[in-house]
Amino acid sequence: MKILVATKRVIDHNVRPLVRADGGGVDIRNVKMSMNPFDEVAVEAAVRLLEAGQASEIIAVSIGPTKCAETLRTALAMGAS
């Protein structure tokens, strides 16, 4: 069985986001980004299934700008392919 894990790049959960001066959203310039914590849990669960022999491959995907590659690298480091 192959496992597909969708990952998303979000503002790091340890960073306090700032609202733009015009009130039109969140200012993400110079803010640390990381993988969504819930997606990290999903990758870890998939790795456990792989180690238990219930899965043959873990595929991580992310849709977005090229900076999403950092999120995919995190998933690869955790054990996805």
PDB file of N, CA and C in Angstrom:
ATOM      1  N   MET A   1       0.840  -1.171   0.000  1.00  0.00           N
ATOM      2  CA  MET A   1       0.000   0.000   0.000  1.00  0.00           C
ATOM      3  C   MET A   1       0.889   1.239   0.000  1.00  0.00           C
ATOM      4  N   LYS A   2       0.554   2.184  -0.847  1.00  0.00           N
ATOM      5  CA  LYS A   2       1.242   3.471  -0.865  1.00  0.00           C
ATOM      6  C   LYS A   2       0.404   4.476  -0.090  1.00  0.00           C
ATOM      7  N   ILE A   3       1.072   5.358   0.649  1.00  0.00           N
ATOM      8  CA  ILE A   3       0.382   6.373   1.444  1.00  0.00           C
ATOM      9  C   ILE A   3       0.731   7.747   0.881  1.00  0.00           C
ATOM     10  N   LEU A   4      -0.291   8.539   0.623  1.00  0.00           N
ATOM     11  CA  LEU A   4      -0.128   9.905   0.131  1.00  0.00           C
ATOM     12  C   LEU A   4      -0.437  10.857   1.275  1.00  0.00           C
ATOM     13  N   VAL A   5       0.529  11.728   1.603  1.00  0.00           N
ATOM     14  CA  VAL A   5       0.343  12.693   2.679  1.00  0.00           C
ATOM     15  C   VAL A   5       0.436  14.095   2.078  1.00  0.00           C
ATOM     16  N   ALA A   6      -0.630  14.857   2.221  1.00  0.00           N
ATOM     17  CA  ALA A   6      -0.629  16.245   1.756  1.00  0.00           C
ATOM     18  C   ALA A   6      -0.052  17.128   2.858  1.00  0.00           C
ATOM     19  N   THR A   7       0.867  18.005   2.486  1.00  0.00           N
ATOM     20  CA  THR A   7       1.499  18.889   3.454  1.00  0.00           C
ATOM     21  C   THR A   7       1.270  20.336   3.052  1.00  0.00           C
ATOM     22  N   LYS A   8       1.267  21.209   4.034  1.00  0.00           N
ATOM     23  CA  LYS A   8       1.052  22.622   3.775  1.00  0.00           C
ATOM     24  C   LYS A   8       2.090  23.445   4.520  1.00  0.00           C
ATOM     25  N   ARG A   9       2.529  24.510   3.873  1.00  0.00           N
ATOM     26  CA  ARG A   9       3.497  25.444   4.462  1.00  0.00           C
ATOM     27  C   ARG A   9       2.719  26.550   5.158  1.00  0.00           C
ATOM     28  N   VAL A  10       2.936  26.693   6.461  1.00  0.00           N
ATOM     29  CA  VAL A  10       2.220  27.694   7.252  1.00  0.00           C
ATOM     30  C   VAL A  10       3.210  28.462   8.120  1.00  0.00           C
ATOM     31  N   ILE A  11       2.722  29.530   8.744  1.00  0.00           N
ATOM     32  CA  ILE A  11       3.557  30.274   9.698  1.00  0.00           C
ATOM     33  C   ILE A  11       3.870  29.343  10.862  1.00  0.00           C
ATOM     34  N   ASP A  12       5.126  29.338  11.298  1.00  0.00           N
ATOM     35  CA  ASP A  12       5.545  28.477  12.404  1.00  0.00           C
ATOM     36  C   ASP A  12       4.654  28.712  13.621  1.00  0.00           C
ATOM     37  N   HIS A  13       4.286  27.633  14.305  1.00  0.00           N
ATOM     38  CA  HIS A  13       3.360  27.763  15.426  1.00  0.00           C
ATOM     39  C   HIS A  13       3.964  28.478  16.633  1.00  0.00           C
ATOM     40  N   ASN A  14       5.272  28.658  16.664  1.00  0.00           N
ATOM     41  CA  ASN A  14       5.922  29.378  17.762  1.00  0.00           C
ATOM     42  C   ASN A  14       6.045  30.873  17.495  1.00  0.00           C
ATOM     43  N   VAL A  15       5.667  31.320  16.298  1.00  0.00           N
ATOM     44  CA  VAL A  15       5.799  32.727  15.911  1.00  0.00           C
ATOM     45  C   VAL A  15       4.460  33.412  16.063  1.00  0.00           C
ATOM     46  N   ARG A  16       4.485  34.595  16.624  1.00  0.00           N
ATOM     47  CA  ARG A  16       3.257  35.380  16.747  1.00  0.00           C
ATOM     48  C   ARG A  16       3.093  36.212  15.474  1.00  0.00           C
ATOM     49  N   PRO A  17       2.050  35.946  14.680  1.00  0.00           N
ATOM     50  CA  PRO A  17       1.865  36.684  13.425  1.00  0.00           C
ATOM     51  C   PRO A  17       1.449  38.125  13.677  1.00  0.00           C
ATOM     52  N   LEU A  18       1.843  39.005  12.767  1.00  0.00           N
ATOM     53  CA  LEU A  18       1.496  40.419  12.868  1.00  0.00           C
ATOM     54  C   LEU A  18       0.490  40.771  11.786  1.00  0.00           C
ATOM     55  N   VAL A  19      -0.463  41.611  12.148  1.00  0.00           N
ATOM     56  CA  VAL A  19      -1.449  42.085  11.186  1.00  0.00           C
ATOM     57  C   VAL A  19      -0.857  43.260  10.433  1.00  0.00           C
ATOM     58  N   ARG A  20      -1.110  43.320   9.124  1.00  0.00           N
ATOM     59  CA  ARG A  20      -0.614  44.435   8.322  1.00  0.00           C
ATOM     60  C   ARG A  20      -1.175  45.754   8.850  1.00  0.00           C
ATOM     61  N   ALA A  21      -0.445  46.837   8.598  1.00  0.00           N
ATOM     62  CA  ALA A  21      -0.852  48.156   9.079  1.00  0.00           C
ATOM     63  C   ALA A  21      -2.207  48.574   8.513  1.00  0.00           C
ATOM     64  N   ASP A  22      -2.508  48.153   7.283  1.00  0.00           N
ATOM     65  CA  ASP A  22      -3.791  48.517   6.681  1.00  0.00           C
ATOM     66  C   ASP A  22      -4.928  47.593   7.105  1.00  0.00           C
ATOM     67  N   GLY A  23      -4.615  46.580   7.930  1.00  0.00           N
ATOM     68  CA  GLY A  23      -5.622  45.647   8.416  1.00  0.00           C
ATOM     69  C   GLY A  23      -6.087  44.662   7.361  1.00  0.00           C
ATOM     70  N   GLY A  24      -5.344  44.555   6.262  1.00  0.00           N
ATOM     71  CA  GLY A  24      -5.765  43.702   5.157  1.00  0.00           C
ATOM     72  C   GLY A  24      -5.200  42.305   5.176  1.00  0.00           C
ATOM     73  N   GLY A  25      -4.789  41.789   6.291  1.00  0.00           N
ATOM     74  CA  GLY A  25      -4.282  40.426   6.344  1.00  0.00           C
ATOM     75  C   GLY A  25      -3.094  40.301   7.278  1.00  0.00           C
ATOM     76  N   VAL A  26      -2.415  39.190   7.167  1.00  0.00           N
ATOM     77  CA  VAL A  26      -1.267  38.890   8.015  1.00  0.00           C
ATOM     78  C   VAL A  26       0.008  39.203   7.251  1.00  0.00           C
ATOM     79  N   ASP A  27       0.946  39.849   7.917  1.00  0.00           N
ATOM     80  CA  ASP A  27       2.236  40.177   7.310  1.00  0.00           C
ATOM     81  C   ASP A  27       3.149  38.954   7.444  1.00  0.00           C
ATOM     82  N   ILE A  28       3.478  38.328   6.300  1.00  0.00           N
ATOM     83  CA  ILE A  28       4.305  37.121   6.343  1.00  0.00           C
ATOM     84  C   ILE A  28       5.740  37.373   5.884  1.00  0.00           C
ATOM     85  N   ARG A  29       6.091  38.630   5.675  1.00  0.00           N
ATOM     86  CA  ARG A  29       7.476  38.930   5.308  1.00  0.00           C
ATOM     87  C   ARG A  29       8.370  38.706   6.524  1.00  0.00           C
ATOM     88  N   ASN A  30       9.494  38.056   6.297  1.00  0.00           N
ATOM     89  CA  ASN A  30      10.485  37.782   7.345  1.00  0.00           C
ATOM     90  C   ASN A  30       9.903  36.991   8.514  1.00  0.00           C
ATOM     91  N   VAL A  31       8.957  36.108   8.230  1.00  0.00           N
ATOM     92  CA  VAL A  31       8.365  35.254   9.256  1.00  0.00           C
ATOM     93  C   VAL A  31       8.791  33.820   8.967  1.00  0.00           C
ATOM     94  N   LYS A  32       9.155  33.098  10.017  1.00  0.00           N
ATOM     95  CA  LYS A  32       9.565  31.706   9.850  1.00  0.00           C
ATOM     96  C   LYS A  32       8.355  30.864   9.466  1.00  0.00           C
ATOM     97  N   MET A  33       8.522  30.077   8.411  1.00  0.00           N
ATOM     98  CA  MET A  33       7.463  29.185   7.940  1.00  0.00           C
ATOM     99  C   MET A  33       7.889  27.741   8.215  1.00  0.00           C
ATOM    100  N   SER A  34       6.915  26.866   8.407  1.00  0.00           N
ATOM    101  CA  SER A  34       7.209  25.447   8.646  1.00  0.00           C
ATOM    102  C   SER A  34       6.031  24.609   8.179  1.00  0.00           C
ATOM    103  N   MET A  35       6.168  23.307   8.340  1.00  0.00           N
ATOM    104  CA  MET A  35       5.086  22.398   7.978  1.00  0.00           C
ATOM    105  C   MET A  35       3.973  22.514   9.017  1.00  0.00           C
ATOM    106  N   ASN A  36       2.744  22.406   8.553  1.00  0.00           N
ATOM    107  CA  ASN A  36       1.592  22.408   9.436  1.00  0.00           C
ATOM    108  C   ASN A  36       1.774  21.291  10.472  1.00  0.00           C
ATOM    109  N   PRO A  37       1.605  21.594  11.769  1.00  0.00           N
ATOM    110  CA  PRO A  37       1.807  20.560  12.794  1.00  0.00           C
ATOM    111  C   PRO A  37       0.922  19.324  12.604  1.00  0.00           C
ATOM    112  N   PHE A  38      -0.286  19.493  12.101  1.00  0.00           N
ATOM    113  CA  PHE A  38      -1.159  18.351  11.870  1.00  0.00           C
ATOM    114  C   PHE A  38      -0.629  17.479  10.732  1.00  0.00           C
ATOM    115  N   ASP A  39       0.027  18.115   9.757  1.00  0.00           N
ATOM    116  CA  ASP A  39       0.634  17.354   8.672  1.00  0.00           C
ATOM    117  C   ASP A  39       1.848  16.574   9.174  1.00  0.00           C
ATOM    118  N   GLU A  40       2.562  17.142  10.138  1.00  0.00           N
ATOM    119  CA  GLU A  40       3.685  16.417  10.742  1.00  0.00           C
ATOM    120  C   GLU A  40       3.191  15.142  11.414  1.00  0.00           C
ATOM    121  N   VAL A  41       2.057  15.234  12.098  1.00  0.00           N
ATOM    122  CA  VAL A  41       1.477  14.059  12.751  1.00  0.00           C
ATOM    123  C   VAL A  41       1.109  13.009  11.706  1.00  0.00           C
ATOM    124  N   ALA A  42       0.565  13.463  10.568  1.00  0.00           N
ATOM    125  CA  ALA A  42       0.178  12.529   9.507  1.00  0.00           C
ATOM    126  C   ALA A  42       1.404  11.830   8.922  1.00  0.00           C
ATOM    127  N   VAL A  43       2.492  12.555   8.729  1.00  0.00           N
ATOM    128  CA  VAL A  43       3.716  11.944   8.201  1.00  0.00           C
ATOM    129  C   VAL A  43       4.268  10.939   9.213  1.00  0.00           C
ATOM    130  N   GLU A  44       4.256  11.297  10.486  1.00  0.00           N
ATOM    131  CA  GLU A  44       4.744  10.373  11.514  1.00  0.00           C
ATOM    132  C   GLU A  44       3.911   9.095  11.557  1.00  0.00           C
ATOM    133  N   ALA A  45       2.592   9.240  11.423  1.00  0.00           N
ATOM    134  CA  ALA A  45       1.728   8.053  11.416  1.00  0.00           C
ATOM    135  C   ALA A  45       2.015   7.184  10.200  1.00  0.00           C
ATOM    136  N   ALA A  46       2.254   7.814   9.064  1.00  0.00           N
ATOM    137  CA  ALA A  46       2.581   7.060   7.859  1.00  0.00           C
ATOM    138  C   ALA A  46       3.919   6.335   8.016  1.00  0.00           C
ATOM    139  N   VAL A  47       4.872   6.974   8.652  1.00  0.00           N
ATOM    140  CA  VAL A  47       6.177   6.341   8.886  1.00  0.00           C
ATOM    141  C   VAL A  47       6.014   5.128   9.794  1.00  0.00           C
ATOM    142  N   ARG A  48       5.153   5.244  10.810  1.00  0.00           N
ATOM    143  CA  ARG A  48       4.910   4.098  11.684  1.00  0.00           C
ATOM    144  C   ARG A  48       4.312   2.924  10.913  1.00  0.00           C
ATOM    145  N   LEU A  49       3.389   3.234   9.989  1.00  0.00           N
ATOM    146  CA  LEU A  49       2.807   2.164   9.164  1.00  0.00           C
ATOM    147  C   LEU A  49       3.858   1.537   8.254  1.00  0.00           C
ATOM    148  N   LEU A  50       4.760   2.368   7.731  1.00  0.00           N
ATOM    149  CA  LEU A  50       5.832   1.863   6.879  1.00  0.00           C
ATOM    150  C   LEU A  50       6.753   0.942   7.668  1.00  0.00           C
ATOM    151  N   GLU A  51       7.120   1.370   8.875  1.00  0.00           N
ATOM    152  CA  GLU A  51       8.005   0.557   9.705  1.00  0.00           C
ATOM    153  C   GLU A  51       7.339  -0.741  10.154  1.00  0.00           C
ATOM    154  N   ALA A  52       6.019  -0.722  10.286  1.00  0.00           N
ATOM    155  CA  ALA A  52       5.291  -1.929  10.696  1.00  0.00           C
ATOM    156  C   ALA A  52       5.068  -2.888   9.534  1.00  0.00           C
ATOM    157  N   GLY A  53       5.445  -2.464   8.330  1.00  0.00           N
ATOM    158  CA  GLY A  53       5.296  -3.320   7.170  1.00  0.00           C
ATOM    159  C   GLY A  53       3.919  -3.263   6.531  1.00  0.00           C
ATOM    160  N   GLN A  54       3.084  -2.332   6.959  1.00  0.00           N
ATOM    161  CA  GLN A  54       1.742  -2.214   6.408  1.00  0.00           C
ATOM    162  C   GLN A  54       1.688  -1.296   5.190  1.00  0.00           C
ATOM    163  N   ALA A  55       2.776  -0.590   4.911  1.00  0.00           N
ATOM    164  CA  ALA A  55       2.845   0.301   3.755  1.00  0.00           C
ATOM    165  C   ALA A  55       4.161   0.056   3.033  1.00  0.00           C
ATOM    166  N   SER A  56       4.163   0.335   1.741  1.00  0.00           N
ATOM    167  CA  SER A  56       5.385   0.134   0.966  1.00  0.00           C
ATOM    168  C   SER A  56       6.082   1.454   0.630  1.00  0.00           C
ATOM    169  N   GLU A  57       5.335   2.548   0.637  1.00  0.00           N
ATOM    170  CA  GLU A  57       5.914   3.828   0.248  1.00  0.00           C
ATOM    171  C   GLU A  57       5.076   4.966   0.814  1.00  0.00           C
ATOM    172  N   ILE A  58       5.752   6.065   1.191  1.00  0.00           N
ATOM    173  CA  ILE A  58       5.074   7.278   1.639  1.00  0.00           C
ATOM    174  C   ILE A  58       5.396   8.376   0.639  1.00  0.00           C
ATOM    175  N   ILE A  59       4.363   8.962   0.067  1.00  0.00           N
ATOM    176  CA  ILE A  59       4.548  10.035  -0.907  1.00  0.00           C
ATOM    177  C   ILE A  59       4.013  11.319  -0.291  1.00  0.00           C
ATOM    178  N   ALA A  60       4.860  12.331  -0.181  1.00  0.00           N
ATOM    179  CA  ALA A  60       4.452  13.632   0.344  1.00  0.00           C
ATOM    180  C   ALA A  60       4.268  14.599  -0.815  1.00  0.00           C
ATOM    181  N   VAL A  61       3.178  15.362  -0.782  1.00  0.00           N
ATOM    182  CA  VAL A  61       2.899  16.355  -1.821  1.00  0.00           C
ATOM    183  C   VAL A  61       2.575  17.686  -1.162  1.00  0.00           C
ATOM    184  N   SER A  62       2.854  18.754  -1.905  1.00  0.00           N
ATOM    185  CA  SER A  62       2.515  20.096  -1.467  1.00  0.00           C
ATOM    186  C   SER A  62       2.281  20.947  -2.710  1.00  0.00           C
ATOM    187  N   ILE A  63       1.262  21.765  -2.670  1.00  0.00           N
ATOM    188  CA  ILE A  63       0.941  22.631  -3.800  1.00  0.00           C
ATOM    189  C   ILE A  63       1.174  24.067  -3.364  1.00  0.00           C
ATOM    190  N   GLY A  64       1.919  24.814  -4.175  1.00  0.00           N
ATOM    191  CA  GLY A  64       2.166  26.210  -3.849  1.00  0.00           C
ATOM    192  C   GLY A  64       3.415  26.714  -4.525  1.00  0.00           C
ATOM    193  N   PRO A  65       3.966  27.810  -3.991  1.00  0.00           N
ATOM    194  CA  PRO A  65       5.177  28.384  -4.587  1.00  0.00           C
ATOM    195  C   PRO A  65       6.386  27.473  -4.382  1.00  0.00           C
ATOM    196  N   THR A  66       7.481  27.841  -5.016  1.00  0.00           N
ATOM    197  CA  THR A  66       8.683  27.004  -4.937  1.00  0.00           C
ATOM    198  C   THR A  66       9.217  26.885  -3.513  1.00  0.00           C
ATOM    199  N   LYS A  67       8.847  27.791  -2.638  1.00  0.00           N
ATOM    200  CA  LYS A  67       9.298  27.705  -1.250  1.00  0.00           C
ATOM    201  C   LYS A  67       8.668  26.529  -0.509  1.00  0.00           C
ATOM    202  N   CYS A  68       7.659  25.898  -1.111  1.00  0.00           N
ATOM    203  CA  CYS A  68       7.057  24.704  -0.512  1.00  0.00           C
ATOM    204  C   CYS A  68       8.043  23.541  -0.504  1.00  0.00           C
ATOM    205  N   ALA A  69       9.113  23.658  -1.262  1.00  0.00           N
ATOM    206  CA  ALA A  69      10.129  22.609  -1.284  1.00  0.00           C
ATOM    207  C   ALA A  69      10.726  22.400   0.106  1.00  0.00           C
ATOM    208  N   GLU A  70      10.786  23.454   0.914  1.00  0.00           N
ATOM    209  CA  GLU A  70      11.291  23.322   2.280  1.00  0.00           C
ATOM    210  C   GLU A  70      10.394  22.383   3.089  1.00  0.00           C
ATOM    211  N   THR A  71       9.097  22.510   2.895  1.00  0.00           N
ATOM    212  CA  THR A  71       8.149  21.644   3.587  1.00  0.00           C
ATOM    213  C   THR A  71       8.317  20.200   3.143  1.00  0.00           C
ATOM    214  N   LEU A  72       8.518  20.008   1.852  1.00  0.00           N
ATOM    215  CA  LEU A  72       8.726  18.650   1.343  1.00  0.00           C
ATOM    216  C   LEU A  72      10.035  18.067   1.849  1.00  0.00           C
ATOM    217  N   ARG A  73      11.062  18.889   1.982  1.00  0.00           N
ATOM    218  CA  ARG A  73      12.331  18.403   2.539  1.00  0.00           C
ATOM    219  C   ARG A  73      12.146  17.927   3.976  1.00  0.00           C
ATOM    220  N   THR A  74      11.315  18.634   4.720  1.00  0.00           N
ATOM    221  CA  THR A  74      11.027  18.215   6.103  1.00  0.00           C
ATOM    222  C   THR A  74      10.364  16.837   6.100  1.00  0.00           C
ATOM    223  N   ALA A  75       9.397  16.648   5.202  1.00  0.00           N
ATOM    224  CA  ALA A  75       8.718  15.355   5.102  1.00  0.00           C
ATOM    225  C   ALA A  75       9.696  14.259   4.683  1.00  0.00           C
ATOM    226  N   LEU A  76      10.605  14.589   3.759  1.00  0.00           N
ATOM    227  CA  LEU A  76      11.612  13.614   3.339  1.00  0.00           C
ATOM    228  C   LEU A  76      12.521  13.230   4.503  1.00  0.00           C
ATOM    229  N   ALA A  77      12.886  14.220   5.310  1.00  0.00           N
ATOM    230  CA  ALA A  77      13.747  13.940   6.462  1.00  0.00           C
ATOM    231  C   ALA A  77      13.044  13.061   7.498  1.00  0.00           C
ATOM    232  N   MET A  78      11.719  13.150   7.533  1.00  0.00           N
ATOM    233  CA  MET A  78      10.957  12.335   8.470  1.00  0.00           C
ATOM    234  C   MET A  78      10.782  10.906   7.982  1.00  0.00           C
ATOM    235  N   GLY A  79      10.970  10.663   6.676  1.00  0.00           N
ATOM    236  CA  GLY A  79      10.870   9.306   6.161  1.00  0.00           C
ATOM    237  C   GLY A  79      10.016   9.135   4.924  1.00  0.00           C
ATOM    238  N   ALA A  80       9.427  10.221   4.419  1.00  0.00           N
ATOM    239  CA  ALA A  80       8.619  10.122   3.206  1.00  0.00           C
ATOM    240  C   ALA A  80       9.540  10.018   1.983  1.00  0.00           C
ATOM    241  N   SER A  81       8.952   9.694   0.837  1.00  0.00           N
ATOM    242  CA  SER A  81       9.748   9.627  -0.379  1.00  0.00           C
ATOM    243  C   SER A  81       9.109  10.447  -1.474  1.00  0.00           C
TER     244      SER A  81
END
